Amino acid sequence: MARARSYGGVVYVPRFNALEDPAAIDAMIAAAGAGDLVTADRDGLPYATRLPLVWLREEQRVVAHMAIANPHWRTIVDGSAALVVVSGPQAYVSPSWYAAKAEHGRVVPTWNYSRVELRGTVHVHRDAAWVRDAVTRLTALHEQTRDEPWAVSDAPEAYVEGQLRGIVGIEVVVDFVEGKAKLSQNRSDADRAGVIAGMRAEGDPESAAVADAMAAHSSSTSSQESASTR
């Protein structure tokens, strides 16, 4: 977790919700494929835009692009602070799913989710070569698993140049990464099992994805605990 700069407690992450494994953070960002870029103009007015992105951990930077028609990029002060929020699956948790409801009834609703925050400094790039590289990286990332991956070079060069003139490059040089996975880690095994079953019964993909994340986390935790006692 990069911490080259102090942000003084701006991120609320209880100890049991902390997501500190770099591989898990990278996997979440890759699965989401996009994040919300949040910046403020010179007067402090906030702007946010959802952008497809590439997270280059070894280089500690986020690479993206934005439509030139989007006024957001014109408000960005070069080198100013920026936040990129990448969200994973999220879902409502009904207290009726807890085993504790039948035991004592002292339960309330909550919300389970996963997210990663990347903070650093933002830069806008108008250089055609930089923008082309950003688009090429993004395309390769999403096409790499296809049987016949499409490449930027597959399109006519004049067409590509015209498309590139319609976007600007966005780069966030990252110096702080924080991951959070709120997956009922503070509940009992019985309560977590009840939530997983309840979410899977909801019948919607988002709830099912949260249930899968909870099950995977519980399995991983159990494995680690078993290994530590050997």
Protein backbone atom coordinates (compact mmCIF):
# COMPACT_ATOMS: atom_id res chain seq x y z
CA MET A 1 0.00 0.00 0.00
CA ALA A 2 1.58 3.26 -1.15
CA ARG A 3 1.78 6.02 1.44
CA ALA A 4 4.32 8.50 0.13
CA ARG A 5 2.13 11.37 1.26
CA SER A 6 0.04 11.86 4.40
CA TYR A 7 -3.72 12.22 4.00
CA GLY A 8 -4.49 12.47 7.70
CA GLY A 9 -7.28 9.97 8.19
CA VAL A 10 -9.49 10.96 5.26
CA VAL A 11 -10.39 7.31 4.64
CA TYR A 12 -12.54 5.49 7.22
CA VAL A 13 -11.49 1.83 7.23
CA PRO A 14 -12.14 -0.24 10.37
CA ARG A 15 -9.35 -2.73 10.99
CA PHE A 16 -11.41 -5.78 10.05
CA ASN A 17 -12.53 -4.18 6.75
CA ALA A 18 -9.04 -3.24 5.55
CA LEU A 19 -8.08 -4.69 2.18
CA GLU A 20 -4.30 -4.69 2.22
CA ASP A 21 -3.34 -7.44 -0.23
CA PRO A 22 -2.03 -5.70 -3.38
CA ALA A 23 -3.14 -8.62 -5.56
CA ALA A 24 -6.71 -8.37 -4.21
CA ILE A 25 -6.75 -4.62 -4.79
CA ASP A 26 -5.45 -5.03 -8.33
CA ALA A 27 -8.03 -7.74 -9.03
CA MET A 28 -10.85 -5.49 -7.86
CA ILE A 29 -9.69 -2.63 -10.05
CA ALA A 30 -9.33 -4.95 -13.04
CA ALA A 31 -12.79 -6.43 -12.49
CA ALA A 32 -14.41 -2.99 -12.26
CA GLY A 33 -12.54 -1.65 -15.28
CA ALA A 34 -13.51 1.93 -14.50
CA GLY A 35 -13.50 4.44 -11.68
CA ASP A 36 -14.75 7.89 -10.72
CA LEU A 37 -12.18 10.66 -11.11
CA VAL A 38 -12.88 13.39 -8.55
CA THR A 39 -11.14 16.78 -8.69
CA ALA A 40 -11.86 20.35 -7.69
CA ASP A 41 -11.45 23.54 -9.71
CA ARG A 42 -9.62 26.65 -8.50
CA ASP A 43 -12.71 27.74 -6.54
CA GLY A 44 -13.09 24.39 -4.82
CA LEU A 45 -16.08 23.23 -6.88
CA PRO A 46 -15.93 19.42 -7.18
CA TYR A 47 -16.23 17.53 -10.47
CA ALA A 48 -16.57 13.79 -10.99
CA THR A 49 -16.46 11.66 -14.14
CA ARG A 50 -16.62 7.89 -14.59
CA LEU A 51 -13.66 6.81 -16.70
CA PRO A 52 -12.38 3.47 -18.01
CA LEU A 53 -8.86 3.18 -16.67
CA VAL A 54 -5.61 1.27 -16.50
CA TRP A 55 -3.93 0.89 -13.10
CA LEU A 56 -0.15 0.57 -13.50
CA ARG A 57 0.94 -0.51 -10.05
CA GLU A 58 4.66 -0.73 -10.82
CA GLU A 59 4.59 2.83 -12.13
CA GLN A 60 2.15 3.97 -9.43
CA ARG A 61 -0.14 5.76 -11.85
CA VAL A 62 -3.62 5.60 -13.34
CA VAL A 63 -3.98 6.14 -17.09
CA ALA A 64 -7.32 7.14 -18.63
CA HIS A 65 -8.91 9.47 -21.16
CA MET A 66 -11.87 11.85 -21.29
CA ALA A 67 -14.03 13.28 -24.06
CA ILE A 68 -12.82 16.69 -25.10
CA ALA A 69 -16.46 17.85 -24.98
CA ASN A 70 -16.55 17.08 -21.25
CA PRO A 71 -15.96 20.38 -19.39
CA HIS A 72 -14.44 18.54 -16.43
CA TRP A 73 -10.91 18.38 -17.86
CA ARG A 74 -10.79 22.13 -18.42
CA THR A 75 -11.33 22.69 -14.68
CA ILE A 76 -8.36 20.54 -13.68
CA VAL A 77 -5.39 22.40 -12.26
CA ASP A 78 -2.27 20.55 -13.40
CA GLY A 79 -0.59 18.82 -10.48
CA SER A 80 -3.53 19.33 -8.14
CA ALA A 81 -4.94 16.64 -5.82
CA ALA A 82 -7.19 13.99 -7.31
CA LEU A 83 -9.13 10.99 -6.10
CA VAL A 84 -10.04 7.92 -8.14
CA VAL A 85 -12.74 5.73 -6.60
CA VAL A 86 -13.15 2.19 -7.93
CA SER A 87 -16.22 0.36 -6.65
CA GLY A 88 -16.81 -3.37 -6.45
CA PRO A 89 -20.12 -5.20 -5.89
CA GLN A 90 -22.48 -3.75 -3.28
CA ALA A 91 -25.79 -4.81 -1.73
CA TYR A 92 -28.23 -4.17 1.10
CA VAL A 93 -28.04 -6.46 4.13
CA SER A 94 -31.38 -7.29 5.75
CA PRO A 95 -31.27 -7.91 9.53
CA SER A 96 -33.76 -10.75 8.95
CA TRP A 97 -30.88 -12.81 7.52
CA TYR A 98 -28.88 -12.81 10.77
CA ALA A 99 -29.03 -15.82 13.05
CA ALA A 100 -28.79 -13.27 15.85
CA LYS A 101 -32.29 -11.97 14.99
CA ALA A 102 -33.82 -15.15 16.39
CA GLU A 103 -31.45 -15.17 19.37
CA HIS A 104 -31.87 -11.64 20.74
CA GLY A 105 -33.25 -9.37 18.00
CA ARG A 106 -30.57 -6.71 18.46
CA VAL A 107 -29.81 -6.33 14.76
CA VAL A 108 -30.12 -3.52 12.21
CA PRO A 109 -29.76 -3.18 8.42
CA THR A 110 -26.44 -2.35 6.83
CA TRP A 111 -24.72 -2.19 3.43
CA ASN A 112 -21.92 -4.43 2.22
CA TYR A 113 -19.50 -3.24 -0.45
CA SER A 114 -15.93 -3.18 -1.66
CA ARG A 115 -13.97 -0.20 -2.94
CA VAL A 116 -10.50 1.10 -3.64
CA GLU A 117 -9.40 4.72 -3.38
CA LEU A 118 -6.34 5.98 -5.22
CA ARG A 119 -5.12 9.48 -4.35
CA GLY A 120 -2.42 11.55 -5.93
CA THR A 121 -1.86 14.35 -8.41
CA VAL A 122 -3.67 14.73 -11.72
CA HIS A 123 -2.34 15.76 -15.11
CA VAL A 124 -4.10 16.38 -18.43
CA HIS A 125 -2.30 15.32 -21.61
CA ARG A 126 -3.04 16.74 -25.08
CA ASP A 127 -0.02 15.19 -26.77
CA ALA A 128 -1.28 12.83 -29.50
CA ALA A 129 1.34 10.17 -28.80
CA TRP A 130 0.52 10.08 -25.07
CA VAL A 131 -3.22 9.83 -25.76
CA ARG A 132 -2.70 7.09 -28.35
CA ASP A 133 -0.60 5.10 -25.87
CA ALA A 134 -3.30 5.46 -23.21
CA VAL A 135 -6.02 4.23 -25.56
CA THR A 136 -3.81 1.40 -26.80
CA ARG A 137 -3.11 0.25 -23.23
CA LEU A 138 -6.80 0.32 -22.34
CA THR A 139 -7.82 -1.54 -25.48
CA ALA A 140 -5.17 -4.22 -25.03
CA LEU A 141 -6.26 -4.73 -21.41
CA HIS A 142 -9.85 -5.49 -22.36
CA GLU A 143 -9.18 -7.33 -25.60
CA GLN A 144 -6.43 -9.65 -24.36
CA THR A 145 -8.76 -12.52 -23.42
CA ARG A 146 -10.73 -12.55 -26.68
CA ASP A 147 -10.18 -15.15 -29.38
CA GLU A 148 -9.65 -12.43 -31.98
CA PRO A 149 -8.56 -9.33 -30.03
CA TRP A 150 -9.17 -5.99 -31.68
CA ALA A 151 -6.29 -3.50 -31.76
CA VAL A 152 -6.21 0.23 -32.35
CA SER A 153 -4.11 -0.45 -35.43
CA ASP A 154 -6.99 -2.43 -36.95
CA ALA A 155 -8.85 0.80 -37.74
CA PRO A 156 -7.82 3.12 -40.61
CA GLU A 157 -5.08 5.50 -39.46
CA ALA A 158 -6.94 8.64 -40.55
CA TYR A 159 -10.00 7.47 -38.59
CA VAL A 160 -7.92 6.78 -35.47
CA GLU A 161 -6.30 10.20 -35.66
CA GLY A 162 -9.71 11.83 -35.89
CA GLN A 163 -10.99 9.90 -32.87
CA LEU A 164 -7.90 10.80 -30.85
CA ARG A 165 -8.53 14.49 -31.49
CA GLY A 166 -11.82 14.08 -29.66
CA ILE A 167 -10.30 13.04 -26.33
CA VAL A 168 -7.68 14.15 -23.81
CA GLY A 169 -5.40 11.98 -21.73
CA ILE A 170 -5.78 11.82 -17.96
CA GLU A 171 -3.01 10.67 -15.64
CA VAL A 172 -3.08 10.38 -11.86
CA VAL A 173 0.31 9.87 -10.24
CA VAL A 174 -0.68 7.84 -7.19
CA ASP A 175 0.89 8.14 -3.77
CA PHE A 176 -1.86 6.63 -1.61
CA VAL A 177 -3.87 3.44 -2.14
CA GLU A 178 -6.54 2.26 0.27
CA GLY A 179 -8.77 -0.78 -0.12
CA LYS A 180 -11.89 -1.55 1.87
CA ALA A 181 -14.04 -4.67 1.82
CA LYS A 182 -17.09 -4.47 4.11
CA LEU A 183 -18.22 -8.10 4.01
CA SER A 184 -19.73 -8.70 7.47
CA GLN A 185 -16.33 -9.60 8.91
CA ASN A 186 -17.50 -8.33 12.32
CA ARG A 187 -20.42 -10.78 12.45
CA SER A 188 -20.48 -14.38 13.65
CA ASP A 189 -20.04 -17.32 11.27
CA ALA A 190 -23.77 -18.04 11.57
CA ASP A 191 -24.69 -14.44 10.74
CA ARG A 192 -22.37 -14.38 7.72
CA ALA A 193 -23.80 -17.67 6.47
CA GLY A 194 -27.30 -16.23 6.80
CA VAL A 195 -26.34 -13.10 4.84
CA ILE A 196 -24.72 -15.15 2.07
CA ALA A 197 -27.82 -17.34 1.76
CA GLY A 198 -30.12 -14.32 1.86
CA MET A 199 -28.21 -12.45 -0.83
CA ARG A 200 -28.11 -15.46 -3.12
CA ALA A 201 -31.86 -15.84 -2.74
CA GLU A 202 -32.37 -12.23 -3.91
CA GLY A 203 -31.85 -13.32 -7.49
CA ASP A 204 -29.90 -10.28 -8.69
CA PRO A 205 -26.31 -10.35 -9.95
CA GLU A 206 -25.06 -7.62 -7.64
CA SER A 207 -26.22 -9.36 -4.47
CA ALA A 208 -24.88 -12.67 -5.77
CA ALA A 209 -21.48 -11.05 -6.41
CA VAL A 210 -21.36 -9.72 -2.84
CA ALA A 211 -22.32 -13.17 -1.52
CA ASP A 212 -19.51 -14.72 -3.56
CA ALA A 213 -17.02 -12.18 -2.20
CA MET A 214 -18.17 -12.91 1.36
CA ALA A 215 -17.85 -16.67 0.82
CA ALA A 216 -14.39 -16.29 -0.73
CA HIS A 217 -13.24 -14.09 2.16
CA SER A 218 -14.56 -16.53 4.75
CA SER A 219 -12.85 -19.43 3.00
CA SER A 220 -9.56 -17.53 2.78
CA THR A 221 -9.73 -16.54 6.45
CA SER A 222 -10.44 -20.12 7.51
CA SER A 223 -7.50 -21.38 5.45
CA GLN A 224 -5.16 -18.82 7.00
CA GLU A 225 -6.33 -19.71 10.50
CA SER A 226 -5.84 -23.42 9.83
CA ALA A 227 -2.34 -22.82 8.49
CA SER A 228 -1.39 -20.72 11.53
CA THR A 229 -2.29 -23.57 13.91
CA ARG A 230 -0.20 -26.21 12.15
